[in-house]
Amino acid sequence: MQDKVLRLLGLARRAGALTYGQTAVLDEIKKSRSKLIAFSSDFNEKTKQKIVENCKNVKVITIPYTMEEIAHAIGTKPTGVVSVNHENFKKGILEVSSFEEKEDI
């Protein structure tokens, strides 16, 4: 059974409210469009820190899914980082999630 968070990521992608991949996510952060940054559980820590350093007033979480699982949910190639660019999708993901790594950066 697919998790609610993965379903919400898929809906956000189809609604045009999701950006994926390191370069695209960094662009969204710089343009202040990102509301939530989510990393896969198997994302490279060094690259993760590089992205987190650019986040100001953006919620950052690590979700317990692999790059492959996220890719399957959003219908793309494997990706380890996504940017949720709509406040309602951000709220929905945070409401259904119980991830301990929620943190404001």
PDB file of N, CA and C in Angstrom:
ATOM      1  N   MET A   1       0.843  -1.192   0.000  1.00  0.00           N
ATOM      2  CA  MET A   1       0.000   0.000   0.000  1.00  0.00           C
ATOM      3  C   MET A   1       0.884   1.250   0.000  1.00  0.00           C
ATOM      4  N   GLN A   2       0.524   2.182  -0.861  1.00  0.00           N
ATOM      5  CA  GLN A   2       1.315   3.405  -0.964  1.00  0.00           C
ATOM      6  C   GLN A   2       0.984   4.345   0.195  1.00  0.00           C
ATOM      7  N   ASP A   3       1.990   4.965   0.728  1.00  0.00           N
ATOM      8  CA  ASP A   3       1.853   5.850   1.870  1.00  0.00           C
ATOM      9  C   ASP A   3       1.182   7.168   1.481  1.00  0.00           C
ATOM     10  N   LYS A   4       0.522   7.801   2.435  1.00  0.00           N
ATOM     11  CA  LYS A   4      -0.157   9.074   2.185  1.00  0.00           C
ATOM     12  C   LYS A   4       0.812  10.170   1.756  1.00  0.00           C
ATOM     13  N   VAL A   5       2.000  10.185   2.318  1.00  0.00           N
ATOM     14  CA  VAL A   5       2.985  11.204   1.951  1.00  0.00           C
ATOM     15  C   VAL A   5       3.373  11.041   0.486  1.00  0.00           C
ATOM     16  N   LEU A   6       3.606   9.806   0.056  1.00  0.00           N
ATOM     17  CA  LEU A   6       3.962   9.575  -1.343  1.00  0.00           C
ATOM     18  C   LEU A   6       2.809   9.957  -2.269  1.00  0.00           C
ATOM     19  N   ARG A   7       1.586   9.689  -1.851  1.00  0.00           N
ATOM     20  CA  ARG A   7       0.426  10.084  -2.663  1.00  0.00           C
ATOM     21  C   ARG A   7       0.343  11.597  -2.776  1.00  0.00           C
ATOM     22  N   LEU A   8       0.584  12.300  -1.669  1.00  0.00           N
ATOM     23  CA  LEU A   8       0.558  13.768  -1.710  1.00  0.00           C
ATOM     24  C   LEU A   8       1.667  14.323  -2.598  1.00  0.00           C
ATOM     25  N   LEU A   9       2.845  13.710  -2.565  1.00  0.00           N
ATOM     26  CA  LEU A   9       3.928  14.147  -3.455  1.00  0.00           C
ATOM     27  C   LEU A   9       3.522  13.955  -4.915  1.00  0.00           C
ATOM     28  N   GLY A  10       2.884  12.834  -5.210  1.00  0.00           N
ATOM     29  CA  GLY A  10       2.408  12.589  -6.566  1.00  0.00           C
ATOM     30  C   GLY A  10       1.358  13.602  -7.001  1.00  0.00           C
ATOM     31  N   LEU A  11       0.430  13.928  -6.108  1.00  0.00           N
ATOM     32  CA  LEU A  11      -0.585  14.942  -6.409  1.00  0.00           C
ATOM     33  C   LEU A  11       0.050  16.315  -6.633  1.00  0.00           C
ATOM     34  N   ALA A  12       1.017  16.660  -5.793  1.00  0.00           N
ATOM     35  CA  ALA A  12       1.705  17.938  -5.941  1.00  0.00           C
ATOM     36  C   ALA A  12       2.424  18.011  -7.284  1.00  0.00           C
ATOM     37  N   ARG A  13       3.025  16.907  -7.696  1.00  0.00           N
ATOM     38  CA  ARG A  13       3.712  16.866  -9.001  1.00  0.00           C
ATOM     39  C   ARG A  13       2.729  17.111 -10.128  1.00  0.00           C
ATOM     40  N   ARG A  14       1.598  16.428 -10.096  1.00  0.00           N
ATOM     41  CA  ARG A  14       0.596  16.588 -11.154  1.00  0.00           C
ATOM     42  C   ARG A  14      -0.025  17.988 -11.136  1.00  0.00           C
ATOM     43  N   ALA A  15      -0.060  18.626  -9.975  1.00  0.00           N
ATOM     44  CA  ALA A  15      -0.617  19.974  -9.852  1.00  0.00           C
ATOM     45  C   ALA A  15       0.400  21.059 -10.200  1.00  0.00           C
ATOM     46  N   GLY A  16       1.626  20.663 -10.489  1.00  0.00           N
ATOM     47  CA  GLY A  16       2.659  21.642 -10.807  1.00  0.00           C
ATOM     48  C   GLY A  16       3.229  22.332  -9.583  1.00  0.00           C
ATOM     49  N   ALA A  17       3.067  21.721  -8.420  1.00  0.00           N
ATOM     50  CA  ALA A  17       3.522  22.322  -7.169  1.00  0.00           C
ATOM     51  C   ALA A  17       4.701  21.570  -6.569  1.00  0.00           C
ATOM     52  N   LEU A  18       5.427  20.825  -7.402  1.00  0.00           N
ATOM     53  CA  LEU A  18       6.558  20.039  -6.916  1.00  0.00           C
ATOM     54  C   LEU A  18       7.720  20.169  -7.894  1.00  0.00           C
ATOM     55  N   THR A  19       8.886  20.400  -7.347  1.00  0.00           N
ATOM     56  CA  THR A  19      10.106  20.448  -8.134  1.00  0.00           C
ATOM     57  C   THR A  19      11.028  19.380  -7.590  1.00  0.00           C
ATOM     58  N   TYR A  20      11.758  18.701  -8.455  1.00  0.00           N
ATOM     59  CA  TYR A  20      12.625  17.623  -8.007  1.00  0.00           C
ATOM     60  C   TYR A  20      13.998  17.744  -8.657  1.00  0.00           C
ATOM     61  N   GLY A  21      14.992  17.182  -7.982  1.00  0.00           N
ATOM     62  CA  GLY A  21      16.369  17.236  -8.456  1.00  0.00           C
ATOM     63  C   GLY A  21      17.124  18.383  -7.815  1.00  0.00           C
ATOM     64  N   GLN A  22      18.399  18.158  -7.591  1.00  0.00           N
ATOM     65  CA  GLN A  22      19.217  19.110  -6.850  1.00  0.00           C
ATOM     66  C   GLN A  22      19.230  20.508  -7.468  1.00  0.00           C
ATOM     67  N   THR A  23      19.516  20.624  -8.742  1.00  0.00           N
ATOM     68  CA  THR A  23      19.629  21.931  -9.389  1.00  0.00           C
ATOM     69  C   THR A  23      18.294  22.665  -9.387  1.00  0.00           C
ATOM     70  N   ALA A  24      17.237  21.974  -9.750  1.00  0.00           N
ATOM     71  CA  ALA A  24      15.911  22.596  -9.798  1.00  0.00           C
ATOM     72  C   ALA A  24      15.448  23.029  -8.409  1.00  0.00           C
ATOM     73  N   VAL A  25      15.722  22.208  -7.401  1.00  0.00           N
ATOM     74  CA  VAL A  25      15.331  22.554  -6.038  1.00  0.00           C
ATOM     75  C   VAL A  25      16.105  23.783  -5.556  1.00  0.00           C
ATOM     76  N   LEU A  26      17.389  23.838  -5.833  1.00  0.00           N
ATOM     77  CA  LEU A  26      18.175  25.019  -5.453  1.00  0.00           C
ATOM     78  C   LEU A  26      17.634  26.279  -6.121  1.00  0.00           C
ATOM     79  N   ASP A  27      17.198  26.170  -7.381  1.00  0.00           N
ATOM     80  CA  ASP A  27      16.595  27.319  -8.073  1.00  0.00           C
ATOM     81  C   ASP A  27      15.320  27.773  -7.376  1.00  0.00           C
ATOM     82  N   GLU A  28      14.488  26.815  -6.957  1.00  0.00           N
ATOM     83  CA  GLU A  28      13.236  27.155  -6.267  1.00  0.00           C
ATOM     84  C   GLU A  28      13.517  27.827  -4.926  1.00  0.00           C
ATOM     85  N   ILE A  29      14.544  27.351  -4.236  1.00  0.00           N
ATOM     86  CA  ILE A  29      14.910  27.961  -2.956  1.00  0.00           C
ATOM     87  C   ILE A  29      15.355  29.401  -3.180  1.00  0.00           C
ATOM     88  N   LYS A  30      16.204  29.612  -4.178  1.00  0.00           N
ATOM     89  CA  LYS A  30      16.717  30.959  -4.467  1.00  0.00           C
ATOM     90  C   LYS A  30      15.609  31.915  -4.883  1.00  0.00           C
ATOM     91  N   LYS A  31      14.570  31.387  -5.543  1.00  0.00           N
ATOM     92  CA  LYS A  31      13.448  32.215  -5.983  1.00  0.00           C
ATOM     93  C   LYS A  31      12.377  32.331  -4.897  1.00  0.00           C
ATOM     94  N   SER A  32      12.650  31.787  -3.721  1.00  0.00           N
ATOM     95  CA  SER A  32      11.741  31.825  -2.560  1.00  0.00           C
ATOM     96  C   SER A  32      10.379  31.204  -2.856  1.00  0.00           C
ATOM     97  N   ARG A  33      10.338  30.165  -3.661  1.00  0.00           N
ATOM     98  CA  ARG A  33       9.086  29.470  -3.963  1.00  0.00           C
ATOM     99  C   ARG A  33       8.894  28.230  -3.104  1.00  0.00           C
ATOM    100  N   SER A  34       9.966  27.706  -2.541  1.00  0.00           N
ATOM    101  CA  SER A  34       9.900  26.470  -1.759  1.00  0.00           C
ATOM    102  C   SER A  34       9.202  26.696  -0.430  1.00  0.00           C
ATOM    103  N   LYS A  35       8.284  25.795  -0.120  1.00  0.00           N
ATOM    104  CA  LYS A  35       7.606  25.814   1.179  1.00  0.00           C
ATOM    105  C   LYS A  35       8.104  24.674   2.062  1.00  0.00           C
ATOM    106  N   LEU A  36       8.549  23.588   1.423  1.00  0.00           N
ATOM    107  CA  LEU A  36       9.019  22.409   2.141  1.00  0.00           C
ATOM    108  C   LEU A  36      10.051  21.697   1.271  1.00  0.00           C
ATOM    109  N   ILE A  37      11.167  21.314   1.876  1.00  0.00           N
ATOM    110  CA  ILE A  37      12.185  20.514   1.190  1.00  0.00           C
ATOM    111  C   ILE A  37      12.170  19.144   1.849  1.00  0.00           C
ATOM    112  N   ALA A  38      12.057  18.100   1.032  1.00  0.00           N
ATOM    113  CA  ALA A  38      12.046  16.731   1.548  1.00  0.00           C
ATOM    114  C   ALA A  38      13.168  15.933   0.899  1.00  0.00           C
ATOM    115  N   PHE A  39      13.974  15.292   1.732  1.00  0.00           N
ATOM    116  CA  PHE A  39      15.079  14.458   1.268  1.00  0.00           C
ATOM    117  C   PHE A  39      14.715  12.988   1.434  1.00  0.00           C
ATOM    118  N   SER A  40      15.209  12.155   0.519  1.00  0.00           N
ATOM    119  CA  SER A  40      15.026  10.713   0.661  1.00  0.00           C
ATOM    120  C   SER A  40      15.959  10.200   1.753  1.00  0.00           C
ATOM    121  N   SER A  41      15.676   9.018   2.244  1.00  0.00           N
ATOM    122  CA  SER A  41      16.486   8.447   3.321  1.00  0.00           C
ATOM    123  C   SER A  41      17.882   8.068   2.847  1.00  0.00           C
ATOM    124  N   ASP A  42      18.058   7.854   1.530  1.00  0.00           N
ATOM    125  CA  ASP A  42      19.356   7.442   1.011  1.00  0.00           C
ATOM    126  C   ASP A  42      20.066   8.552   0.225  1.00  0.00           C
ATOM    127  N   PHE A  43      19.721   9.807   0.508  1.00  0.00           N
ATOM    128  CA  PHE A  43      20.346  10.934  -0.175  1.00  0.00           C
ATOM    129  C   PHE A  43      21.727  11.193   0.412  1.00  0.00           C
ATOM    130  N   ASN A  44      22.662  11.601  -0.407  1.00  0.00           N
ATOM    131  CA  ASN A  44      24.038  11.878  -0.002  1.00  0.00           C
ATOM    132  C   ASN A  44      24.077  13.001   1.033  1.00  0.00           C
ATOM    133  N   GLU A  45      24.696  12.731   2.182  1.00  0.00           N
ATOM    134  CA  GLU A  45      24.729  13.703   3.286  1.00  0.00           C
ATOM    135  C   GLU A  45      25.473  14.990   2.924  1.00  0.00           C
ATOM    136  N   LYS A  46      26.561  14.884   2.187  1.00  0.00           N
ATOM    137  CA  LYS A  46      27.333  16.069   1.812  1.00  0.00           C
ATOM    138  C   LYS A  46      26.506  16.986   0.912  1.00  0.00           C
ATOM    139  N   THR A  47      25.836  16.413  -0.045  1.00  0.00           N
ATOM    140  CA  THR A  47      24.993  17.189  -0.951  1.00  0.00           C
ATOM    141  C   THR A  47      23.791  17.761  -0.198  1.00  0.00           C
ATOM    142  N   LYS A  48      23.271  16.985   0.735  1.00  0.00           N
ATOM    143  CA  LYS A  48      22.148  17.439   1.554  1.00  0.00           C
ATOM    144  C   LYS A  48      22.528  18.710   2.313  1.00  0.00           C
ATOM    145  N   GLN A  49      23.705  18.706   2.921  1.00  0.00           N
ATOM    146  CA  GLN A  49      24.152  19.886   3.674  1.00  0.00           C
ATOM    147  C   GLN A  49      24.308  21.105   2.768  1.00  0.00           C
ATOM    148  N   LYS A  50      24.765  20.878   1.541  1.00  0.00           N
ATOM    149  CA  LYS A  50      24.911  21.974   0.576  1.00  0.00           C
ATOM    150  C   LYS A  50      23.557  22.624   0.297  1.00  0.00           C
ATOM    151  N   ILE A  51      22.527  21.812   0.163  1.00  0.00           N
ATOM    152  CA  ILE A  51      21.189  22.337  -0.098  1.00  0.00           C
ATOM    153  C   ILE A  51      20.634  23.007   1.150  1.00  0.00           C
ATOM    154  N   VAL A  52      20.785  22.365   2.307  1.00  0.00           N
ATOM    155  CA  VAL A  52      20.251  22.907   3.562  1.00  0.00           C
ATOM    156  C   VAL A  52      20.862  24.276   3.869  1.00  0.00           C
ATOM    157  N   GLU A  53      22.116  24.474   3.529  1.00  0.00           N
ATOM    158  CA  GLU A  53      22.775  25.768   3.761  1.00  0.00           C
ATOM    159  C   GLU A  53      22.068  26.907   3.036  1.00  0.00           C
ATOM    160  N   ASN A  54      21.404  26.609   1.945  1.00  0.00           N
ATOM    161  CA  ASN A  54      20.703  27.625   1.168  1.00  0.00           C
ATOM    162  C   ASN A  54      19.283  27.884   1.656  1.00  0.00           C
ATOM    163  N   CYS A  55      18.801  27.065   2.573  1.00  0.00           N
ATOM    164  CA  CYS A  55      17.416  27.182   3.042  1.00  0.00           C
ATOM    165  C   CYS A  55      17.310  28.208   4.159  1.00  0.00           C
ATOM    166  N   LYS A  56      16.431  29.158   3.954  1.00  0.00           N
ATOM    167  CA  LYS A  56      16.120  30.135   4.994  1.00  0.00           C
ATOM    168  C   LYS A  56      14.606  30.180   5.112  1.00  0.00           C
ATOM    169  N   ASN A  57      14.111  29.950   6.300  1.00  0.00           N
ATOM    170  CA  ASN A  57      12.670  29.951   6.546  1.00  0.00           C
ATOM    171  C   ASN A  57      11.927  28.915   5.708  1.00  0.00           C
ATOM    172  N   VAL A  58      12.584  27.807   5.433  1.00  0.00           N
ATOM    173  CA  VAL A  58      11.968  26.716   4.695  1.00  0.00           C
ATOM    174  C   VAL A  58      12.029  25.474   5.579  1.00  0.00           C
ATOM    175  N   LYS A  59      10.893  24.796   5.716  1.00  0.00           N
ATOM    176  CA  LYS A  59      10.833  23.559   6.494  1.00  0.00           C
ATOM    177  C   LYS A  59      11.604  22.489   5.733  1.00  0.00           C
ATOM    178  N   VAL A  60      12.461  21.749   6.434  1.00  0.00           N
ATOM    179  CA  VAL A  60      13.271  20.692   5.829  1.00  0.00           C
ATOM    180  C   VAL A  60      13.030  19.399   6.594  1.00  0.00           C
ATOM    181  N   ILE A  61      12.707  18.323   5.860  1.00  0.00           N
ATOM    182  CA  ILE A  61      12.504  17.020   6.484  1.00  0.00           C
ATOM    183  C   ILE A  61      13.213  15.945   5.672  1.00  0.00           C
ATOM    184  N   THR A  62      13.502  14.849   6.329  1.00  0.00           N
ATOM    185  CA  THR A  62      13.974  13.649   5.652  1.00  0.00           C
ATOM    186  C   THR A  62      12.862  12.624   5.781  1.00  0.00           C
ATOM    187  N   ILE A  63      12.414  12.105   4.650  1.00  0.00           N
ATOM    188  CA  ILE A  63      11.317  11.143   4.667  1.00  0.00           C
ATOM    189  C   ILE A  63      11.874   9.727   4.542  1.00  0.00           C
ATOM    190  N   PRO A  64      11.222   8.752   5.136  1.00  0.00           N
ATOM    191  CA  PRO A  64      11.768   7.389   5.182  1.00  0.00           C
ATOM    192  C   PRO A  64      11.518   6.583   3.906  1.00  0.00           C
ATOM    193  N   TYR A  65      11.776   7.198   2.774  1.00  0.00           N
ATOM    194  CA  TYR A  65      11.610   6.528   1.491  1.00  0.00           C
ATOM    195  C   TYR A  65      12.885   6.691   0.677  1.00  0.00           C
ATOM    196  N   THR A  66      13.154   5.710  -0.163  1.00  0.00           N
ATOM    197  CA  THR A  66      14.345   5.765  -1.006  1.00  0.00           C
ATOM    198  C   THR A  66      14.079   6.631  -2.232  1.00  0.00           C
ATOM    199  N   MET A  67      15.143   6.920  -2.961  1.00  0.00           N
ATOM    200  CA  MET A  67      15.024   7.675  -4.206  1.00  0.00           C
ATOM    201  C   MET A  67      14.100   6.965  -5.184  1.00  0.00           C
ATOM    202  N   GLU A  68      14.196   5.652  -5.229  1.00  0.00           N
ATOM    203  CA  GLU A  68      13.355   4.854  -6.135  1.00  0.00           C
ATOM    204  C   GLU A  68      11.880   4.959  -5.759  1.00  0.00           C
ATOM    205  N   GLU A  69      11.582   4.912  -4.474  1.00  0.00           N
ATOM    206  CA  GLU A  69      10.187   4.989  -4.024  1.00  0.00           C
ATOM    207  C   GLU A  69       9.587   6.360  -4.332  1.00  0.00           C
ATOM    208  N   ILE A  70      10.368   7.405  -4.124  1.00  0.00           N
ATOM    209  CA  ILE A  70       9.892   8.756  -4.446  1.00  0.00           C
ATOM    210  C   ILE A  70       9.685   8.890  -5.950  1.00  0.00           C
ATOM    211  N   ALA A  71      10.639   8.387  -6.725  1.00  0.00           N
ATOM    212  CA  ALA A  71      10.526   8.450  -8.185  1.00  0.00           C
ATOM    213  C   ALA A  71       9.267   7.745  -8.672  1.00  0.00           C
ATOM    214  N   HIS A  72       8.981   6.595  -8.114  1.00  0.00           N
ATOM    215  CA  HIS A  72       7.776   5.854  -8.496  1.00  0.00           C
ATOM    216  C   HIS A  72       6.513   6.649  -8.164  1.00  0.00           C
ATOM    217  N   ALA A  73       6.519   7.307  -7.019  1.00  0.00           N
ATOM    218  CA  ALA A  73       5.350   8.071  -6.580  1.00  0.00           C
ATOM    219  C   ALA A  73       5.099   9.303  -7.444  1.00  0.00           C
ATOM    220  N   ILE A  74       6.169   9.959  -7.898  1.00  0.00           N
ATOM    221  CA  ILE A  74       5.993  11.191  -8.676  1.00  0.00           C
ATOM    222  C   ILE A  74       6.152  10.975 -10.173  1.00  0.00           C
ATOM    223  N   GLY A  75       6.489   9.760 -10.570  1.00  0.00           N
ATOM    224  CA  GLY A  75       6.565   9.436 -11.991  1.00  0.00           C
ATOM    225  C   GLY A  75       7.767  10.013 -12.709  1.00  0.00           C
ATOM    226  N   THR A  76       8.931   9.946 -12.067  1.00  0.00           N
ATOM    227  CA  THR A  76      10.149  10.486 -12.677  1.00  0.00           C
ATOM    228  C   THR A  76      11.299   9.507 -12.480  1.00  0.00           C
ATOM    229  N   LYS A  77      12.474   9.940 -12.916  1.00  0.00           N
ATOM    230  CA  LYS A  77      13.679   9.167 -12.635  1.00  0.00           C
ATOM    231  C   LYS A  77      14.003   9.293 -11.145  1.00  0.00           C
ATOM    232  N   PRO A  78      14.835   8.405 -10.612  1.00  0.00           N
ATOM    233  CA  PRO A  78      15.169   8.468  -9.176  1.00  0.00           C
ATOM    234  C   PRO A  78      15.689   9.850  -8.766  1.00  0.00           C
ATOM    235  N   THR A  79      15.131  10.352  -7.691  1.00  0.00           N
ATOM    236  CA  THR A  79      15.529  11.656  -7.182  1.00  0.00           C
ATOM    237  C   THR A  79      15.519  11.622  -5.659  1.00  0.00           C
ATOM    238  N   GLY A  80      16.465  12.321  -5.061  1.00  0.00           N
ATOM    239  CA  GLY A  80      16.604  12.285  -3.613  1.00  0.00           C
ATOM    240  C   GLY A  80      16.146  13.531  -2.901  1.00  0.00           C
ATOM    241  N   VAL A  81      15.758  14.559  -3.665  1.00  0.00           N
ATOM    242  CA  VAL A  81      15.306  15.793  -3.034  1.00  0.00           C
ATOM    243  C   VAL A  81      14.164  16.382  -3.853  1.00  0.00           C
ATOM    244  N   VAL A  82      13.131  16.831  -3.129  1.00  0.00           N
ATOM    245  CA  VAL A  82      12.006  17.492  -3.779  1.00  0.00           C
ATOM    246  C   VAL A  82      11.668  18.774  -3.028  1.00  0.00           C
ATOM    247  N   SER A  83      11.120  19.718  -3.765  1.00  0.00           N
ATOM    248  CA  SER A  83      10.661  20.969  -3.189  1.00  0.00           C
ATOM    249  C   SER A  83       9.155  21.051  -3.395  1.00  0.00           C
ATOM    250  N   VAL A  84       8.425  21.171  -2.302  1.00  0.00           N
ATOM    251  CA  VAL A  84       6.982  21.363  -2.366  1.00  0.00           C
ATOM    252  C   VAL A  84       6.769  22.876  -2.405  1.00  0.00           C
ATOM    253  N   ASN A  85       6.113  23.346  -3.460  1.00  0.00           N
ATOM    254  CA  ASN A  85       6.026  24.786  -3.703  1.00  0.00           C
ATOM    255  C   ASN A  85       4.630  25.367  -3.474  1.00  0.00           C
ATOM    256  N   HIS A  86       3.828  24.683  -2.699  1.00  0.00           N
ATOM    257  CA  HIS A  86       2.476  25.175  -2.399  1.00  0.00           C
ATOM    258  C   HIS A  86       2.206  24.932  -0.917  1.00  0.00           C
ATOM    259  N   GLU A  87       1.691  25.940  -0.262  1.00  0.00           N
ATOM    260  CA  GLU A  87       1.477  25.885   1.188  1.00  0.00           C
ATOM    261  C   GLU A  87       0.520  24.762   1.600  1.00  0.00           C
ATOM    262  N   ASN A  88      -0.545  24.537   0.835  1.00  0.00           N
ATOM    263  CA  ASN A  88      -1.510  23.500   1.208  1.00  0.00           C
ATOM    264  C   ASN A  88      -0.916  22.095   1.117  1.00  0.00           C
ATOM    265  N   PHE A  89      -0.089  21.839   0.109  1.00  0.00           N
ATOM    266  CA  PHE A  89       0.574  20.538   0.023  1.00  0.00           C
ATOM    267  C   PHE A  89       1.569  20.374   1.173  1.00  0.00           C
ATOM    268  N   LYS A  90       2.265  21.451   1.523  1.00  0.00           N
ATOM    269  CA  LYS A  90       3.187  21.412   2.665  1.00  0.00           C
ATOM    270  C   LYS A  90       2.428  21.027   3.933  1.00  0.00           C
ATOM    271  N   LYS A  91       1.315  21.705   4.193  1.00  0.00           N
ATOM    272  CA  LYS A  91       0.521  21.428   5.387  1.00  0.00           C
ATOM    273  C   LYS A  91       0.023  19.993   5.385  1.00  0.00           C
ATOM    274  N   GLY A  92      -0.451  19.529   4.229  1.00  0.00           N
ATOM    275  CA  GLY A  92      -0.950  18.164   4.124  1.00  0.00           C
ATOM    276  C   GLY A  92       0.114  17.127   4.428  1.00  0.00           C
ATOM    277  N   ILE A  93       1.289  17.323   3.880  1.00  0.00           N
ATOM    278  CA  ILE A  93       2.390  16.381   4.115  1.00  0.00           C
ATOM    279  C   ILE A  93       2.793  16.380   5.580  1.00  0.00           C
ATOM    280  N   LEU A  94       2.894  17.551   6.174  1.00  0.00           N
ATOM    281  CA  LEU A  94       3.290  17.620   7.584  1.00  0.00           C
ATOM    282  C   LEU A  94       2.203  17.069   8.507  1.00  0.00           C
ATOM    283  N   GLU A  95       0.940  17.204   8.128  1.00  0.00           N
ATOM    284  CA  GLU A  95      -0.148  16.681   8.950  1.00  0.00           C
ATOM    285  C   GLU A  95      -0.173  15.156   8.963  1.00  0.00           C
ATOM    286  N   VAL A  96       0.060  14.536   7.813  1.00  0.00           N
ATOM    287  CA  VAL A  96      -0.019  13.073   7.749  1.00  0.00           C
ATOM    288  C   VAL A  96       1.293  12.400   8.124  1.00  0.00           C
ATOM    289  N   SER A  97       2.344  13.180   8.248  1.00  0.00           N
ATOM    290  CA  SER A  97       3.637  12.589   8.583  1.00  0.00           C
ATOM    291  C   SER A  97       3.868  12.633  10.087  1.00  0.00           C
ATOM    292  N   SER A  98       4.694  11.716  10.526  1.00  0.00           N
ATOM    293  CA  SER A  98       5.082  11.710  11.936  1.00  0.00           C
ATOM    294  C   SER A  98       6.591  11.565  12.018  1.00  0.00           C
ATOM    295  N   PHE A  99       7.276  12.200  11.078  1.00  0.00           N
ATOM    296  CA  PHE A  99       8.727  12.088  11.014  1.00  0.00           C
ATOM    297  C   PHE A  99       9.358  12.909  12.115  1.00  0.00           C
ATOM    298  N   GLU A 100      10.292  12.307  12.807  1.00  0.00           N
ATOM    299  CA  GLU A 100      10.948  12.972  13.924  1.00  0.00           C
ATOM    300  C   GLU A 100      11.961  14.013  13.465  1.00  0.00           C
ATOM    301  N   GLU A 101      12.376  13.954  12.209  1.00  0.00           N
ATOM    302  CA  GLU A 101      13.406  14.855  11.739  1.00  0.00           C
ATOM    303  C   GLU A 101      12.872  16.190  11.249  1.00  0.00           C
ATOM    304  N   LYS A 102      11.656  16.536  11.600  1.00  0.00           N
ATOM    305  CA  LYS A 102      11.130  17.838  11.200  1.00  0.00           C
ATOM    306  C   LYS A 102      11.970  18.904  11.879  1.00  0.00           C
ATOM    307  N   GLU A 103      12.377  19.863  11.103  1.00  0.00           N
ATOM    308  CA  GLU A 103      13.183  20.936  11.678  1.00  0.00           C
ATOM    309  C   GLU A 103      13.065  22.165  10.821  1.00  0.00           C
ATOM    310  N   ASP A 104      13.083  23.313  11.462  1.00  0.00           N
ATOM    311  CA  ASP A 104      13.085  24.570  10.730  1.00  0.00           C
ATOM    312  C   ASP A 104      14.531  24.969  10.510  1.00  0.00           C
ATOM    313  N   ILE A 105      14.828  25.289   9.297  1.00  0.00           N
ATOM    314  CA  ILE A 105      16.196  25.714   8.961  1.00  0.00           C
ATOM    315  C   ILE A 105      16.134  27.172   8.563  1.00  0.00           C
TER     316      ILE A 105
END
